[in-house]
Amino acid sequence: MRITTRLELTEAQRQELGKGYRVGAKHCFLMRCLAVLLKADGMPATKVGKRVGMEQHTVNK
């Protein structure tokens, strides 16, 4: 049985994460911002993980 973690962001949160993804200084920070944005858009953790180089359980954390 799969448990889907649902993530909802406000528009302000989306804008801050988008800004962090565009101008962040460290690669790991950029990937975290992208992972949160993709997960909030409804992408499954397995696909997000493959795209950003993280394990599924890390994405869901």
N, C-alpha and C. Protein backbone atom coordinates (compact mmCIF):
# COMPACT_ATOMS: atom_id res chain seq x y z
N MET A 1 0.84 -1.18 0.00
CA MET A 1 0.00 0.00 0.00
C MET A 1 0.89 1.25 0.00
N ARG A 2 0.63 2.14 -0.91
CA ARG A 2 1.39 3.39 -0.99
C ARG A 2 0.64 4.49 -0.26
N ILE A 3 1.40 5.29 0.46
CA ILE A 3 0.84 6.45 1.13
C ILE A 3 1.34 7.68 0.39
N THR A 4 0.42 8.49 -0.08
CA THR A 4 0.78 9.69 -0.81
C THR A 4 0.80 10.87 0.14
N THR A 5 1.91 11.54 0.19
CA THR A 5 2.04 12.73 1.01
C THR A 5 1.57 13.92 0.18
N ARG A 6 0.55 14.58 0.65
CA ARG A 6 0.01 15.73 -0.07
C ARG A 6 0.62 17.00 0.51
N LEU A 7 1.08 17.85 -0.35
CA LEU A 7 1.74 19.08 0.07
C LEU A 7 1.02 20.26 -0.58
N GLU A 8 0.60 21.19 0.24
CA GLU A 8 -0.06 22.39 -0.28
C GLU A 8 0.75 23.62 0.12
N LEU A 9 0.98 24.47 -0.86
CA LEU A 9 1.77 25.69 -0.64
C LEU A 9 0.93 26.91 -0.97
N THR A 10 1.19 27.99 -0.24
CA THR A 10 0.57 29.26 -0.59
C THR A 10 1.33 29.84 -1.79
N GLU A 11 0.76 30.83 -2.41
CA GLU A 11 1.43 31.48 -3.54
C GLU A 11 2.74 32.12 -3.09
N ALA A 12 2.75 32.70 -1.91
CA ALA A 12 3.97 33.31 -1.38
C ALA A 12 5.06 32.26 -1.17
N GLN A 13 4.68 31.10 -0.66
CA GLN A 13 5.65 30.02 -0.47
C GLN A 13 6.20 29.53 -1.81
N ARG A 14 5.33 29.41 -2.79
CA ARG A 14 5.77 29.00 -4.13
C ARG A 14 6.76 29.99 -4.71
N GLN A 15 6.48 31.28 -4.53
CA GLN A 15 7.37 32.32 -5.05
C GLN A 15 8.74 32.27 -4.37
N GLU A 16 8.75 32.07 -3.05
CA GLU A 16 10.02 31.99 -2.32
C GLU A 16 10.82 30.77 -2.75
N LEU A 17 10.16 29.62 -2.93
CA LEU A 17 10.86 28.42 -3.37
C LEU A 17 11.37 28.59 -4.80
N GLY A 18 10.58 29.23 -5.65
CA GLY A 18 11.02 29.49 -7.02
C GLY A 18 12.23 30.40 -7.04
N LYS A 19 12.22 31.41 -6.19
CA LYS A 19 13.37 32.31 -6.08
C LYS A 19 14.59 31.55 -5.57
N GLY A 20 14.38 30.71 -4.56
CA GLY A 20 15.49 29.91 -4.03
C GLY A 20 16.07 28.98 -5.08
N TYR A 21 15.20 28.42 -5.92
CA TYR A 21 15.66 27.53 -6.98
C TYR A 21 16.47 28.29 -8.03
N ARG A 22 16.06 29.51 -8.31
CA ARG A 22 16.75 30.30 -9.34
C ARG A 22 18.07 30.91 -8.86
N VAL A 23 18.11 31.36 -7.62
CA VAL A 23 19.29 32.13 -7.18
C VAL A 23 20.04 31.52 -6.00
N GLY A 24 19.65 30.33 -5.57
CA GLY A 24 20.33 29.70 -4.45
C GLY A 24 21.80 29.46 -4.74
N ALA A 25 22.61 29.54 -3.70
CA ALA A 25 24.06 29.42 -3.88
C ALA A 25 24.55 27.98 -3.91
N LYS A 26 23.83 27.07 -3.26
CA LYS A 26 24.29 25.69 -3.16
C LYS A 26 23.38 24.75 -3.93
N HIS A 27 23.99 23.80 -4.60
CA HIS A 27 23.24 22.84 -5.41
C HIS A 27 22.20 22.07 -4.59
N CYS A 28 22.58 21.65 -3.39
CA CYS A 28 21.64 20.87 -2.57
C CYS A 28 20.41 21.71 -2.21
N PHE A 29 20.59 23.00 -1.99
CA PHE A 29 19.45 23.88 -1.70
C PHE A 29 18.55 24.01 -2.92
N LEU A 30 19.15 24.16 -4.09
CA LEU A 30 18.37 24.25 -5.33
C LEU A 30 17.51 23.01 -5.52
N MET A 31 18.11 21.84 -5.28
CA MET A 31 17.39 20.58 -5.47
C MET A 31 16.28 20.40 -4.44
N ARG A 32 16.49 20.88 -3.23
CA ARG A 32 15.43 20.81 -2.22
C ARG A 32 14.25 21.69 -2.61
N CYS A 33 14.55 22.90 -3.08
CA CYS A 33 13.48 23.80 -3.53
C CYS A 33 12.69 23.17 -4.66
N LEU A 34 13.40 22.62 -5.63
CA LEU A 34 12.74 21.99 -6.77
C LEU A 34 11.91 20.79 -6.32
N ALA A 35 12.43 19.99 -5.42
CA ALA A 35 11.70 18.82 -4.93
C ALA A 35 10.38 19.23 -4.28
N VAL A 36 10.42 20.26 -3.46
CA VAL A 36 9.20 20.72 -2.79
C VAL A 36 8.20 21.24 -3.82
N LEU A 37 8.67 22.00 -4.78
CA LEU A 37 7.76 22.53 -5.82
C LEU A 37 7.14 21.40 -6.64
N LEU A 38 7.92 20.43 -7.04
CA LEU A 38 7.40 19.32 -7.84
C LEU A 38 6.41 18.49 -7.04
N LYS A 39 6.73 18.23 -5.78
CA LYS A 39 5.83 17.46 -4.92
C LYS A 39 4.52 18.20 -4.73
N ALA A 40 4.58 19.52 -4.55
CA ALA A 40 3.37 20.33 -4.38
C ALA A 40 2.53 20.34 -5.64
N ASP A 41 3.17 20.15 -6.80
CA ASP A 41 2.43 20.08 -8.06
C ASP A 41 1.80 18.71 -8.29
N GLY A 42 2.03 17.78 -7.35
CA GLY A 42 1.40 16.48 -7.43
C GLY A 42 2.24 15.37 -8.04
N MET A 43 3.49 15.65 -8.32
CA MET A 43 4.37 14.61 -8.88
C MET A 43 4.66 13.57 -7.80
N PRO A 44 4.61 12.29 -8.14
CA PRO A 44 4.92 11.25 -7.15
C PRO A 44 6.37 11.34 -6.67
N ALA A 45 6.58 10.95 -5.43
CA ALA A 45 7.91 11.05 -4.81
C ALA A 45 8.95 10.26 -5.59
N THR A 46 8.57 9.14 -6.19
CA THR A 46 9.55 8.34 -6.95
C THR A 46 10.06 9.13 -8.14
N LYS A 47 9.18 9.82 -8.83
CA LYS A 47 9.59 10.62 -10.00
C LYS A 47 10.38 11.86 -9.57
N VAL A 48 9.93 12.50 -8.49
CA VAL A 48 10.67 13.66 -7.98
C VAL A 48 12.08 13.23 -7.60
N GLY A 49 12.18 12.12 -6.90
CA GLY A 49 13.49 11.62 -6.47
C GLY A 49 14.43 11.37 -7.62
N LYS A 50 13.91 10.75 -8.68
CA LYS A 50 14.75 10.49 -9.86
C LYS A 50 15.20 11.79 -10.51
N ARG A 51 14.32 12.76 -10.53
CA ARG A 51 14.65 14.03 -11.18
C ARG A 51 15.70 14.84 -10.41
N VAL A 52 15.61 14.81 -9.07
CA VAL A 52 16.51 15.64 -8.27
C VAL A 52 17.62 14.85 -7.59
N GLY A 53 17.65 13.54 -7.79
CA GLY A 53 18.73 12.72 -7.24
C GLY A 53 18.59 12.43 -5.76
N MET A 54 17.35 12.20 -5.32
CA MET A 54 17.09 11.86 -3.92
C MET A 54 16.32 10.55 -3.86
N GLU A 55 16.38 9.90 -2.72
CA GLU A 55 15.58 8.71 -2.49
C GLU A 55 14.13 9.14 -2.22
N GLN A 56 13.20 8.25 -2.51
CA GLN A 56 11.77 8.53 -2.33
C GLN A 56 11.47 8.96 -0.89
N HIS A 57 12.00 8.24 0.08
CA HIS A 57 11.71 8.57 1.49
C HIS A 57 12.26 9.94 1.87
N THR A 58 13.34 10.37 1.25
CA THR A 58 13.92 11.69 1.51
C THR A 58 12.99 12.76 0.94
N VAL A 59 12.47 12.52 -0.23
CA VAL A 59 11.53 13.47 -0.84
C VAL A 59 10.31 13.64 0.06
N ASN A 60 9.79 12.54 0.56
CA ASN A 60 8.58 12.61 1.42
C ASN A 60 8.84 13.23 2.78
N LYS A 61 10.09 13.22 3.23
CA LYS A 61 10.43 13.85 4.51
C LYS A 61 10.28 15.35 4.38
